[in-house]
Amino acid sequence: MKNLVEPIKNRKDIESVEKFLDMKSKRNRLIFAFGINTGLRVSDILGLNIENVKNKSHVEIKEQKTGKYKRFPLNKKLKELIKNYIENDRNKLYSISDKEPLFIGKKHCRLDRSQVYRFLNDACTKLGLEINIGTHTMRKTFGYHHYKQFKDIVLLQKILNHSSPFITLHYIGIDQEEIDSSYNVFEL
C-alpha cells in the first residue's frame, strides 16, 4: 500500500497542532487554520494576497490546479485570525499594500509548499502524531471532518471539486473506515 498523506482525525490532535503552531508562529497557525477550515489546496492558500481576505466575508479565487472559480464564506474563527494576523503580525514585517502576499517568509517572498510541509511535519512529529503528514493533510482534515459532521458526500465532492463521490470518500479515507466499521457490526 502507498504511503498516502492522511487527515488528522482526532479533534484533540488538531487543537494540539494549532496550539503548537500558535506558540511558534501566528502565520503558520493561520495557514493551518485556513487549510482545515476551507479545504483549499496549499497552493491556493499561499497564493492569497492581503486584499483577498482583509475585511472580507467571502474569499473569491481562481483555483491554481483546476482553473475553476471558487467563492466561499470565511467562518468567524478565520475572520478573527486574519484580522489579528494582518493588524499585529503581518504589518510588523514591513510596510505593506493590500496587493502583497498574505503569507511571506524571512526574505519577504511568498511562502512555498515546502516551507509549509516543514512546519507541519515538525509540529506533528514533536507532538507525537503517528500519521503520514503532508501539505494535503490540511485539506484532507477539512474533508474528513466536514463529512463526519454533515454526512453529505455530494456536497463535499462539490466543495473539493472532485469528479465523483467515490474519489472524495477515498481521498478522505472514509471508504476503508466505513468498510471496517460495517464488518465490525455485521453478524449472522
Protein backbone atom coordinates (compact mmCIF):
# COMPACT_ATOMS: atom_id res chain seq x y z
CA MET A 1 0.00 0.00 0.00
CA LYS A 2 1.21 3.51 -0.82
CA ASN A 3 2.28 5.93 1.86
CA LEU A 4 -0.69 8.27 1.47
CA VAL A 5 -0.99 11.57 3.29
CA GLU A 6 -3.68 11.30 5.94
CA PRO A 7 -6.17 13.63 7.61
CA ILE A 8 -5.88 14.42 11.30
CA LYS A 9 -8.95 12.57 12.54
CA ASN A 10 -8.77 13.31 16.27
CA ARG A 11 -10.05 16.78 17.22
CA LYS A 12 -7.75 16.93 20.26
CA ASP A 13 -4.79 16.38 17.92
CA ILE A 14 -6.00 19.25 15.73
CA GLU A 15 -6.20 21.50 18.78
CA SER A 16 -2.70 20.41 19.84
CA VAL A 17 -1.27 21.24 16.41
CA GLU A 18 -2.99 24.64 16.46
CA LYS A 19 -1.64 25.47 19.93
CA PHE A 20 1.85 24.32 18.98
CA LEU A 21 1.84 26.42 15.79
CA ASP A 22 0.35 29.42 17.60
CA MET A 23 3.23 29.42 20.10
CA LYS A 24 5.78 29.31 17.27
CA SER A 25 4.21 31.48 14.58
CA LYS A 26 0.85 33.21 14.13
CA ARG A 27 1.42 32.98 10.37
CA ASN A 28 1.80 29.20 10.46
CA ARG A 29 -1.21 28.81 12.71
CA LEU A 30 -3.29 30.87 10.26
CA ILE A 31 -2.12 28.78 7.31
CA PHE A 32 -3.11 25.61 9.17
CA ALA A 33 -6.46 27.10 10.22
CA PHE A 34 -7.11 28.16 6.61
CA GLY A 35 -6.44 24.65 5.37
CA ILE A 36 -8.58 22.82 7.90
CA ASN A 37 -11.47 25.33 7.74
CA THR A 38 -11.73 25.85 3.98
CA GLY A 39 -10.38 22.76 2.27
CA LEU A 40 -8.24 24.89 -0.04
CA ARG A 41 -5.14 23.35 -1.56
CA VAL A 42 -1.93 24.71 -0.07
CA SER A 43 -1.06 26.35 -3.42
CA ASP A 44 -4.29 28.36 -3.25
CA ILE A 45 -3.72 29.33 0.39
CA LEU A 46 -0.19 30.51 -0.37
CA GLY A 47 -1.47 32.32 -3.45
CA LEU A 48 -3.68 34.60 -1.36
CA ASN A 49 -2.91 38.30 -1.21
CA ILE A 50 -3.92 40.56 1.65
CA GLU A 51 -6.68 42.08 -0.49
CA ASN A 52 -8.30 38.65 -0.92
CA VAL A 53 -9.08 38.36 2.80
CA LYS A 54 -8.78 41.73 4.55
CA ASN A 55 -12.20 42.89 5.81
CA LYS A 56 -13.92 40.25 3.65
CA SER A 57 -16.82 37.96 4.46
CA HIS A 58 -16.08 35.74 1.43
CA VAL A 59 -12.97 34.70 -0.44
CA GLU A 60 -13.01 34.57 -4.22
CA ILE A 61 -10.19 32.85 -6.07
CA LYS A 62 -9.35 31.03 -9.25
CA GLU A 63 -8.01 27.62 -8.20
CA GLN A 64 -4.46 27.12 -9.41
CA LYS A 65 -4.83 23.41 -10.12
CA THR A 66 -8.23 23.41 -11.84
CA GLY A 67 -8.51 26.99 -13.08
CA LYS A 68 -12.05 27.00 -11.65
CA TYR A 69 -13.59 29.98 -9.87
CA LYS A 70 -14.26 29.35 -6.18
CA ARG A 71 -16.17 31.54 -3.74
CA PHE A 72 -16.74 30.63 -0.10
CA PRO A 73 -17.50 32.41 3.19
CA LEU A 74 -14.94 32.86 5.94
CA ASN A 75 -16.11 31.49 9.27
CA LYS A 76 -15.89 33.55 12.47
CA LYS A 77 -12.67 31.87 13.59
CA LEU A 78 -10.86 32.63 10.34
CA LYS A 79 -12.09 36.24 10.26
CA GLU A 80 -10.66 36.81 13.75
CA LEU A 81 -7.35 35.07 12.98
CA ILE A 82 -6.95 37.01 9.71
CA LYS A 83 -7.71 40.36 11.35
CA ASN A 84 -5.31 39.69 14.22
CA TYR A 85 -2.56 38.44 11.90
CA ILE A 86 -2.79 41.38 9.50
CA GLU A 87 -3.01 44.02 12.24
CA ASN A 88 -0.49 42.60 14.70
CA ASP A 89 1.91 40.27 12.91
CA ARG A 90 1.93 40.82 9.16
CA ASN A 91 2.17 44.62 9.46
CA LYS A 92 5.30 44.34 11.63
CA LEU A 93 7.25 42.66 8.83
CA TYR A 94 7.47 45.79 6.67
CA SER A 95 5.16 48.34 5.14
CA ILE A 96 2.59 46.54 3.12
CA SER A 97 0.00 47.13 0.49
CA ASP A 98 -3.11 45.04 0.12
CA LYS A 99 -1.77 43.69 -3.20
CA GLU A 100 1.11 41.88 -1.47
CA PRO A 101 1.14 38.18 -0.50
CA LEU A 102 -0.63 37.37 2.74
CA PHE A 103 1.99 34.80 3.72
CA ILE A 104 5.66 35.65 3.33
CA GLY A 105 8.92 34.21 4.59
CA LYS A 106 12.02 35.78 6.10
CA LYS A 107 13.20 37.04 2.71
CA HIS A 108 9.87 38.83 2.16
CA CYS A 109 8.90 36.40 -0.60
CA ARG A 110 5.71 34.38 -0.88
CA LEU A 111 6.00 31.11 1.08
CA ASP A 112 6.22 27.88 -0.86
CA ARG A 113 4.71 24.50 -0.10
CA SER A 114 8.00 23.00 1.14
CA GLN A 115 8.09 25.54 3.97
CA VAL A 116 4.52 24.61 4.94
CA TYR A 117 5.43 20.91 4.83
CA ARG A 118 8.38 21.53 7.15
CA PHE A 119 6.42 23.37 9.84
CA LEU A 120 3.52 20.89 9.69
CA ASN A 121 5.82 17.90 9.85
CA ASP A 122 7.79 19.48 12.70
CA ALA A 123 4.61 20.14 14.71
CA CYS A 124 3.17 16.68 14.21
CA THR A 125 6.49 14.95 14.92
CA LYS A 126 7.07 16.92 18.13
CA LEU A 127 3.50 16.23 19.24
CA GLY A 128 3.94 12.50 18.58
CA LEU A 129 1.19 12.22 15.96
CA GLU A 130 1.68 8.99 14.09
CA ILE A 131 0.11 9.80 10.74
CA ASN A 132 1.54 10.41 7.28
CA ILE A 133 1.80 14.19 7.13
CA GLY A 134 1.92 16.36 4.06
CA THR A 135 0.56 19.69 2.94
CA HIS A 136 -2.59 17.87 1.79
CA THR A 137 -3.17 16.80 5.40
CA MET A 138 -4.93 20.13 5.97
CA ARG A 139 -7.31 19.68 3.01
CA LYS A 140 -7.98 16.05 3.92
CA THR A 141 -8.62 17.02 7.56
CA PHE A 142 -11.22 19.53 6.37
CA GLY A 143 -12.83 16.89 4.15
CA TYR A 144 -12.86 14.20 6.81
CA HIS A 145 -14.47 16.39 9.48
CA HIS A 146 -16.89 18.05 7.04
CA TYR A 147 -18.11 14.60 6.01
CA LYS A 148 -18.35 13.39 9.62
CA GLN A 149 -20.40 16.47 10.57
CA PHE A 150 -22.75 16.71 7.58
CA LYS A 151 -22.69 13.15 6.08
CA ASP A 152 -23.20 14.75 2.64
CA ILE A 153 -20.61 13.33 0.29
CA VAL A 154 -22.09 15.06 -2.78
CA LEU A 155 -21.77 18.48 -1.13
CA LEU A 156 -18.20 17.70 -0.08
CA GLN A 157 -17.41 16.44 -3.59
CA LYS A 158 -18.53 19.83 -4.96
CA ILE A 159 -16.54 21.76 -2.35
CA LEU A 160 -13.37 19.80 -3.12
CA ASN A 161 -14.03 19.85 -6.88
CA HIS A 162 -13.76 16.08 -7.25
CA SER A 163 -15.26 14.25 -10.21
CA SER A 164 -17.13 11.61 -8.17
CA PRO A 165 -18.27 10.81 -4.62
CA PHE A 166 -16.11 7.67 -4.69
CA ILE A 167 -12.97 9.75 -5.25
CA THR A 168 -13.95 12.02 -2.37
CA LEU A 169 -14.56 9.11 0.02
CA HIS A 170 -11.25 7.53 -0.90
CA TYR A 171 -9.47 10.89 -0.67
CA ILE A 172 -10.54 11.49 2.94
CA GLY A 173 -10.00 7.87 3.99
CA ILE A 174 -13.63 7.13 4.74
CA ASP A 175 -14.15 4.23 2.37
CA GLN A 176 -11.94 1.74 4.25
CA GLU A 177 -13.03 3.12 7.62
CA GLU A 178 -16.70 2.51 6.79
CA ILE A 179 -15.98 -0.94 5.35
CA ASP A 180 -14.13 -1.92 8.53
CA SER A 181 -16.90 -0.50 10.70
CA SER A 182 -19.58 -2.41 8.80
CA TYR A 183 -17.64 -5.66 9.27
CA ASN A 184 -17.33 -4.99 12.99
CA VAL A 185 -21.09 -4.68 13.49
CA PHE A 186 -22.26 -7.24 10.91
CA GLU A 187 -23.07 -10.65 12.26
CA LEU A 188 -25.27 -13.54 11.06
